N, C-alpha and C. Protein backbone atom coordinates (compact mmCIF):
# COMPACT_ATOMS: atom_id res chain seq x y z
N MET A 1 33.74 -13.13 -7.29
CA MET A 1 33.20 -14.03 -6.53
C MET A 1 31.84 -14.85 -6.69
N GLN A 2 31.07 -14.88 -7.56
CA GLN A 2 29.88 -15.48 -8.05
C GLN A 2 29.10 -16.54 -7.15
N SER A 3 27.63 -15.55 -6.61
CA SER A 3 26.82 -15.42 -5.16
C SER A 3 26.30 -17.30 -6.14
N ALA A 4 26.01 -17.59 -5.19
CA ALA A 4 25.47 -19.75 -4.66
C ALA A 4 23.96 -19.94 -5.64
N THR A 5 23.09 -18.80 -4.71
CA THR A 5 22.31 -18.72 -5.58
C THR A 5 21.59 -17.65 -7.32
N LYS A 6 21.04 -17.90 -8.15
CA LYS A 6 20.74 -17.77 -9.61
C LYS A 6 20.18 -16.29 -8.96
N ARG A 7 19.66 -15.37 -10.09
CA ARG A 7 18.74 -14.96 -9.73
C ARG A 7 17.64 -14.91 -11.37
N PRO A 8 16.83 -14.54 -11.60
CA PRO A 8 15.20 -15.16 -12.60
C PRO A 8 16.13 -13.88 -13.46
N PRO A 9 15.90 -14.31 -15.09
CA PRO A 9 16.81 -13.41 -16.19
C PRO A 9 15.39 -12.27 -15.51
N VAL A 10 15.81 -11.33 -16.21
CA VAL A 10 15.90 -10.16 -16.30
C VAL A 10 14.12 -9.31 -17.10
N SER A 11 13.10 -8.75 -16.34
CA SER A 11 11.93 -9.44 -18.07
C SER A 11 12.14 -8.00 -17.94
N LYS A 12 11.43 -7.15 -19.50
CA LYS A 12 11.46 -5.15 -19.67
C LYS A 12 10.08 -4.94 -18.91
N LYS A 13 9.22 -5.87 -19.45
CA LYS A 13 7.82 -5.55 -18.93
C LYS A 13 7.71 -4.75 -17.49
N GLY A 14 7.94 -6.38 -16.94
CA GLY A 14 8.40 -6.63 -15.37
C GLY A 14 8.19 -5.73 -14.84
N PRO A 15 9.17 -5.14 -14.94
CA PRO A 15 9.36 -3.60 -14.68
C PRO A 15 8.24 -2.65 -14.72
N TRP A 16 8.09 -2.88 -16.21
CA TRP A 16 7.20 -1.22 -16.34
C TRP A 16 5.68 -1.85 -15.88
N THR A 17 5.08 -2.77 -15.74
CA THR A 17 4.09 -3.38 -15.11
C THR A 17 3.97 -3.07 -13.85
N GLY A 18 4.69 -3.26 -12.31
CA GLY A 18 5.30 -3.22 -11.73
C GLY A 18 4.86 -1.78 -11.13
N ARG A 19 5.36 -1.11 -11.64
CA ARG A 19 5.98 0.59 -11.88
C ARG A 19 3.70 0.79 -12.09
N ILE A 20 3.22 0.39 -13.25
CA ILE A 20 1.90 1.04 -13.37
C ILE A 20 1.59 0.47 -12.07
N LEU A 21 1.02 -0.71 -11.84
CA LEU A 21 0.15 -1.42 -10.57
C LEU A 21 1.03 -0.37 -8.82
N SER A 22 1.95 0.13 -9.77
CA SER A 22 2.81 0.96 -8.05
C SER A 22 1.82 2.10 -8.94
N ALA A 23 1.94 2.45 -8.96
CA ALA A 23 1.39 4.27 -9.50
C ALA A 23 -0.35 3.96 -8.59
N LEU A 24 -0.73 2.70 -9.62
CA LEU A 24 -2.28 3.16 -9.80
C LEU A 24 -2.25 2.52 -8.03
N ALA A 25 -2.56 2.06 -7.36
CA ALA A 25 -1.77 2.47 -5.83
C ALA A 25 -1.84 2.98 -5.07
N VAL A 26 -0.77 4.26 -5.17
CA VAL A 26 -0.20 4.75 -4.28
C VAL A 26 -1.02 6.51 -4.94
N LEU A 27 -2.04 6.89 -6.89
CA LEU A 27 -2.54 7.54 -7.11
C LEU A 27 -4.12 7.87 -6.63
N PHE A 28 -4.64 6.22 -5.94
CA PHE A 28 -5.87 6.32 -4.73
C PHE A 28 -5.02 5.78 -3.07
N LEU A 29 -3.63 6.15 -3.25
CA LEU A 29 -3.99 6.56 -1.23
C LEU A 29 -3.44 8.04 -2.02
N LEU A 30 -2.60 8.78 -2.31
CA LEU A 30 -2.74 10.26 -2.27
C LEU A 30 -4.12 10.75 -2.52
N PHE A 31 -5.02 10.01 -3.14
CA PHE A 31 -6.47 11.08 -2.71
C PHE A 31 -6.78 10.78 -1.88
N ASN A 32 -6.88 10.16 -1.45
CA ASN A 32 -7.51 9.02 0.26
C ASN A 32 -6.72 9.73 1.19
N GLY A 33 -5.46 10.24 0.41
CA GLY A 33 -5.27 11.40 2.06
C GLY A 33 -4.63 12.44 1.93
N VAL A 34 -5.41 12.85 0.99
CA VAL A 34 -5.61 14.55 0.40
C VAL A 34 -7.03 14.43 0.98
N THR A 35 -7.88 13.85 0.88
CA THR A 35 -9.67 13.88 0.95
C THR A 35 -9.62 13.76 3.14
N LYS A 36 -8.60 13.19 3.23
CA LYS A 36 -8.65 13.43 4.90
C LYS A 36 -7.91 14.58 5.73
N VAL A 37 -7.15 15.02 4.96
CA VAL A 37 -6.08 15.88 5.90
C VAL A 37 -7.35 16.57 5.14
N MET A 38 -8.07 17.20 4.14
CA MET A 38 -8.77 18.79 3.67
C MET A 38 -10.23 18.35 3.91
N LYS A 39 -9.53 16.61 5.13
CA LYS A 39 -11.55 16.85 5.49
C LYS A 39 -13.10 16.89 5.19
N GLU A 40 -12.33 16.81 3.78
CA GLU A 40 -14.05 16.21 2.92
C GLU A 40 -15.02 15.76 3.60
N ALA A 41 -16.07 15.97 3.71
CA ALA A 41 -17.61 15.85 4.00
C ALA A 41 -17.44 14.16 3.40
N HIS A 42 -18.01 13.62 3.20
CA HIS A 42 -18.27 12.14 2.32
C HIS A 42 -16.98 11.38 3.29
N VAL A 43 -15.20 11.71 3.33
CA VAL A 43 -14.43 10.68 3.88
C VAL A 43 -15.12 11.19 5.66
N LEU A 44 -15.60 12.23 5.89
CA LEU A 44 -15.91 12.42 7.61
C LEU A 44 -17.31 11.93 7.95
N THR A 45 -18.00 11.42 7.16
CA THR A 45 -18.92 10.69 7.18
C THR A 45 -19.08 8.84 7.48
N ALA A 46 -17.84 9.35 6.02
CA ALA A 46 -16.83 7.35 5.86
C ALA A 46 -16.64 6.93 7.44
N SER A 47 -15.69 7.39 8.07
CA SER A 47 -14.98 7.30 8.75
C SER A 47 -15.78 7.04 10.41
N ALA A 48 -16.38 8.45 10.46
CA ALA A 48 -18.09 8.57 11.62
C ALA A 48 -18.54 6.97 11.75
N GLN A 49 -18.57 6.37 10.59
CA GLN A 49 -19.51 5.34 10.41
C GLN A 49 -18.06 4.07 10.95
N LEU A 50 -17.03 4.24 10.56
CA LEU A 50 -16.45 2.94 11.00
C LEU A 50 -16.00 3.71 12.92
N GLY A 51 -16.58 4.27 13.16
CA GLY A 51 -15.80 4.71 14.89
C GLY A 51 -15.09 5.67 15.14
N PHE A 52 -14.60 6.84 14.60
CA PHE A 52 -13.15 6.99 14.29
C PHE A 52 -14.28 9.64 14.02
N PRO A 53 -12.86 9.67 15.65
CA PRO A 53 -13.54 10.69 15.98
C PRO A 53 -13.62 11.48 14.60
N GLU A 54 -13.70 13.26 14.33
CA GLU A 54 -13.54 13.89 13.38
C GLU A 54 -12.43 14.82 13.28
N ARG A 55 -11.56 14.17 14.78
CA ARG A 55 -10.26 15.05 14.96
C ARG A 55 -9.08 14.06 14.92
N THR A 56 -9.59 13.31 14.50
CA THR A 56 -8.26 11.83 13.68
C THR A 56 -8.41 11.72 12.91
N ILE A 57 -8.95 12.69 11.49
CA ILE A 57 -9.19 11.83 10.37
C ILE A 57 -7.81 12.47 10.07
N VAL A 58 -7.10 13.95 10.58
CA VAL A 58 -6.28 14.88 9.36
C VAL A 58 -5.24 13.54 10.41
N GLY A 59 -4.90 13.24 11.09
CA GLY A 59 -3.19 12.49 11.50
C GLY A 59 -3.48 11.30 10.45
N ILE A 60 -4.70 10.64 10.62
CA ILE A 60 -4.22 9.47 9.74
C ILE A 60 -4.30 9.96 7.65
N GLY A 61 -4.86 11.33 8.09
CA GLY A 61 -4.18 11.45 6.19
C GLY A 61 -3.29 11.39 6.14
N ILE A 62 -2.30 12.96 7.13
CA ILE A 62 -0.57 12.31 7.16
C ILE A 62 -0.22 11.42 7.09
N LEU A 63 -0.36 10.61 8.35
CA LEU A 63 -0.28 9.31 8.06
C LEU A 63 0.33 8.57 6.84
N LEU A 64 -0.76 8.18 6.37
CA LEU A 64 -1.30 7.79 5.24
C LEU A 64 -0.80 8.17 3.98
N LEU A 65 0.12 9.73 3.89
CA LEU A 65 0.71 10.50 2.69
C LEU A 65 1.86 9.97 3.45
N ALA A 66 3.20 9.78 4.43
CA ALA A 66 4.13 9.81 5.08
C ALA A 66 4.37 8.66 3.93
N CYS A 67 3.29 7.20 4.24
CA CYS A 67 4.18 5.96 4.18
C CYS A 67 3.38 5.76 2.86
N ALA A 68 3.07 6.54 1.81
CA ALA A 68 3.14 6.61 0.78
C ALA A 68 4.04 7.15 -0.03
N GLY A 69 4.84 8.05 0.47
CA GLY A 69 6.03 9.10 0.12
C GLY A 69 7.17 8.27 0.23
N VAL A 70 7.64 6.95 1.41
CA VAL A 70 8.32 7.12 1.60
C VAL A 70 8.32 5.58 0.44
N TYR A 71 6.75 4.76 0.74
CA TYR A 71 6.17 3.77 -0.74
C TYR A 71 7.52 4.75 -2.19
N LEU A 72 6.73 5.85 -2.58
CA LEU A 72 7.65 6.11 -3.88
C LEU A 72 9.20 7.01 -3.66
N ILE A 73 10.00 6.83 -2.74
CA ILE A 73 11.09 7.53 -3.02
C ILE A 73 11.97 5.65 -3.58
N PRO A 74 12.66 5.52 -4.18
CA PRO A 74 13.17 3.85 -5.00
C PRO A 74 14.04 3.76 -3.29
N ARG A 75 13.99 3.66 -2.94
CA ARG A 75 15.23 3.51 -1.50
C ARG A 75 14.99 2.85 -0.14
N THR A 76 13.83 3.82 -0.85
CA THR A 76 12.97 3.25 1.18
C THR A 76 11.80 2.21 0.69
N SER A 77 11.49 1.85 -0.91
CA SER A 77 10.31 1.75 -0.82
C SER A 77 9.57 0.15 -0.42
N ILE A 78 10.97 -0.46 -0.08
CA ILE A 78 10.92 -2.33 0.99
C ILE A 78 9.97 -1.31 2.49
N LEU A 79 10.46 -0.15 2.70
CA LEU A 79 9.79 0.32 4.01
C LEU A 79 8.48 0.57 4.51
N GLY A 80 8.14 1.50 2.78
CA GLY A 80 7.29 2.33 2.40
C GLY A 80 5.83 0.94 3.14
N ALA A 81 6.06 -0.20 1.59
CA ALA A 81 5.30 -1.11 1.66
C ALA A 81 4.95 -1.72 2.52
N ILE A 82 6.56 -1.70 3.13
CA ILE A 82 5.51 -2.61 5.34
C ILE A 82 4.80 -1.51 6.04
N LEU A 83 5.57 -0.36 5.48
CA LEU A 83 5.11 0.30 6.53
C LEU A 83 3.07 0.83 5.65
N LEU A 84 2.77 0.85 4.33
CA LEU A 84 1.64 0.86 4.29
C LEU A 84 0.88 -0.52 4.69
N THR A 85 1.46 -1.82 4.50
CA THR A 85 0.84 -2.81 4.62
C THR A 85 -0.25 -2.79 6.02
N GLY A 86 0.96 -2.72 7.11
CA GLY A 86 0.63 -2.23 8.45
C GLY A 86 -0.52 -0.99 7.75
N TYR A 87 -0.99 -0.54 7.84
CA TYR A 87 -2.14 1.24 7.60
C TYR A 87 -2.77 0.02 6.52
N LEU A 88 -2.51 -0.59 5.60
CA LEU A 88 -4.03 -1.08 5.28
C LEU A 88 -4.79 -1.78 6.25
N GLY A 89 -3.78 -2.76 6.57
CA GLY A 89 -4.33 -3.86 8.02
C GLY A 89 -5.70 -3.25 8.68
N GLY A 90 -4.93 -1.84 9.12
CA GLY A 90 -5.54 -1.29 10.30
C GLY A 90 -6.54 -0.96 9.17
N ALA A 91 -7.24 -0.83 7.96
CA ALA A 91 -8.37 -0.51 7.38
C ALA A 91 -8.84 -1.98 7.30
N THR A 92 -8.33 -2.41 7.45
CA THR A 92 -8.73 -3.30 6.86
C THR A 92 -9.24 -4.04 8.20
N ALA A 93 -8.63 -4.44 8.80
CA ALA A 93 -9.49 -4.32 10.80
C ALA A 93 -11.19 -3.84 10.96
N SER A 94 -10.76 -2.68 10.65
CA SER A 94 -11.86 -1.16 10.56
C SER A 94 -13.06 -1.76 10.06
N GLN A 95 -13.22 -1.85 8.95
CA GLN A 95 -14.08 -2.50 8.52
C GLN A 95 -14.40 -3.79 8.77
N VAL A 96 -13.47 -4.60 9.45
CA VAL A 96 -14.17 -6.17 9.38
C VAL A 96 -15.14 -5.52 10.68
N ARG A 97 -14.38 -4.75 11.81
CA ARG A 97 -15.37 -4.72 13.25
C ARG A 97 -16.21 -4.46 12.78
N VAL A 98 -16.44 -3.72 12.12
CA VAL A 98 -17.96 -2.39 11.87
C VAL A 98 -19.22 -3.79 11.35
N GLY A 99 -18.98 -5.13 10.50
CA GLY A 99 -18.78 -5.58 10.09
C GLY A 99 -19.59 -5.19 8.12
N ASN A 100 -19.39 -4.33 8.15
CA ASN A 100 -19.23 -4.36 6.65
C ASN A 100 -19.12 -5.55 5.58
N PRO A 101 -19.85 -5.16 4.71
CA PRO A 101 -19.59 -6.17 3.66
C PRO A 101 -18.49 -6.61 3.01
N LEU A 102 -18.26 -7.39 2.40
CA LEU A 102 -17.08 -8.20 2.48
C LEU A 102 -15.67 -7.35 1.46
N PHE A 103 -16.47 -6.93 0.26
CA PHE A 103 -16.40 -6.25 -0.86
C PHE A 103 -15.21 -5.05 0.08
N GLU A 104 -16.17 -4.60 0.63
CA GLU A 104 -15.81 -3.41 1.53
C GLU A 104 -14.20 -3.52 2.52
N GLY A 105 -14.28 -4.76 2.88
CA GLY A 105 -13.30 -5.41 3.99
C GLY A 105 -11.87 -6.04 2.88
N LEU A 106 -11.99 -6.48 1.87
CA LEU A 106 -10.90 -6.68 1.19
C LEU A 106 -11.16 -5.40 0.28
N PHE A 107 -11.79 -4.32 -0.06
CA PHE A 107 -10.37 -3.63 -0.24
C PHE A 107 -8.67 -3.21 -0.14
N PRO A 108 -8.46 -2.69 1.38
CA PRO A 108 -7.21 -2.73 1.98
C PRO A 108 -6.81 -3.84 1.19
N VAL A 109 -7.26 -4.78 1.71
CA VAL A 109 -5.80 -6.02 0.91
C VAL A 109 -6.51 -6.86 0.09
N ILE A 110 -6.96 -5.54 -1.12
CA ILE A 110 -6.54 -4.83 -2.28
C ILE A 110 -5.36 -4.76 -2.92
N PHE A 111 -5.69 -2.98 -1.73
CA PHE A 111 -4.44 -2.84 -2.49
C PHE A 111 -3.00 -2.62 -1.30
N GLY A 112 -2.89 -3.67 -1.22
CA GLY A 112 -1.51 -4.00 -0.18
C GLY A 112 -0.89 -5.42 -1.64
N VAL A 113 -2.11 -6.00 -1.85
CA VAL A 113 -1.49 -7.03 -3.37
C VAL A 113 -0.80 -5.67 -4.39
N LEU A 114 -1.55 -4.80 -4.12
CA LEU A 114 -1.05 -3.58 -5.30
C LEU A 114 0.41 -3.77 -5.70
N ILE A 115 0.05 -3.25 -3.96
CA ILE A 115 1.67 -2.61 -3.45
C ILE A 115 2.88 -3.63 -3.75
N TRP A 116 2.31 -3.73 -2.96
CA TRP A 116 3.70 -5.60 -3.20
C TRP A 116 3.92 -6.57 -4.00
N ALA A 117 2.62 -6.97 -5.60
CA ALA A 117 2.62 -6.78 -6.80
C ALA A 117 4.18 -5.91 -7.27
N GLY A 118 3.89 -4.93 -7.16
CA GLY A 118 4.02 -3.47 -7.97
C GLY A 118 5.74 -3.75 -8.00
N ILE A 119 6.06 -3.83 -6.00
CA ILE A 119 7.15 -3.97 -6.18
C ILE A 119 8.35 -5.46 -5.52
N PHE A 120 7.66 -5.95 -6.28
CA PHE A 120 7.50 -7.10 -6.70
C PHE A 120 7.98 -6.80 -8.01
N LEU A 121 7.47 -7.29 -8.87
CA LEU A 121 8.26 -6.80 -10.41
C LEU A 121 9.10 -5.86 -10.33
N ARG A 122 8.95 -5.20 -9.73
CA ARG A 122 10.03 -3.96 -9.70
C ARG A 122 11.69 -4.43 -9.57
N GLU A 123 12.00 -5.13 -8.56
CA GLU A 123 12.66 -5.44 -7.47
C GLU A 123 13.09 -6.31 -8.02
N ASP A 124 13.97 -7.12 -8.61
CA ASP A 124 13.89 -8.53 -8.81
C ASP A 124 14.79 -9.04 -7.59
N ARG A 125 15.71 -8.50 -7.10
CA ARG A 125 15.67 -9.02 -6.01
C ARG A 125 16.21 -9.26 -4.81
N LEU A 126 14.54 -8.63 -4.39
CA LEU A 126 13.34 -8.82 -3.45
C LEU A 126 12.81 -10.25 -3.86
N LEU A 127 12.77 -10.49 -4.70
CA LEU A 127 11.67 -11.25 -5.72
C LEU A 127 13.10 -13.14 -5.30
N SER A 128 14.42 -12.91 -5.60
CA SER A 128 15.13 -13.81 -6.07
C SER A 128 15.56 -14.01 -4.12
N LEU A 129 15.18 -13.12 -3.34
CA LEU A 129 14.94 -12.94 -2.19
C LEU A 129 13.54 -14.09 -0.94
N VAL A 130 13.03 -13.79 -1.94
CA VAL A 130 11.65 -14.16 -1.29
C VAL A 130 11.30 -15.46 -2.09
N LEU A 131 11.31 -15.14 -2.93
CA LEU A 131 10.41 -16.85 -3.53
C LEU A 131 11.38 -17.67 -3.03
N LEU A 132 12.60 -17.15 -4.24
CA LEU A 132 13.84 -18.25 -4.13
C LEU A 132 14.94 -19.35 -4.27
N ARG A 133 14.38 -18.32 -2.57
CA ARG A 133 15.48 -19.28 -1.33
C ARG A 133 14.88 -21.10 -0.58
N ARG A 134 16.49 -21.48 -0.67
CA ARG A 134 16.70 -22.70 -0.42
C ARG A 134 16.42 -22.65 1.51
């Protein structure tokens, strides 16, 4: 039996564009998570400016690496995108709370958009579910 909803035509460029966007976002997030786990000096300084005690930085880095790992696994990528959205929302709230300039506050939002754009372009089923629903 054929479904009443039609899927958009599958593009060959869309999935590759999605993979590239996802890879760029994940590479940055992995770098960020590793520098937090390693307690790199610049990360400790920036975290202190945001009001985070040094003892919390490794846990935040492990959380970020775990969320990025869930996003990297194809079967759990949508759950990973949801988890990363929550993480990045907290990062945005932290930037806004301390009154940082607009770009610093929007930086996590930009990565959230990259994460979701990447998954939308890779998963045509997700695109048809969210955007073309009647």
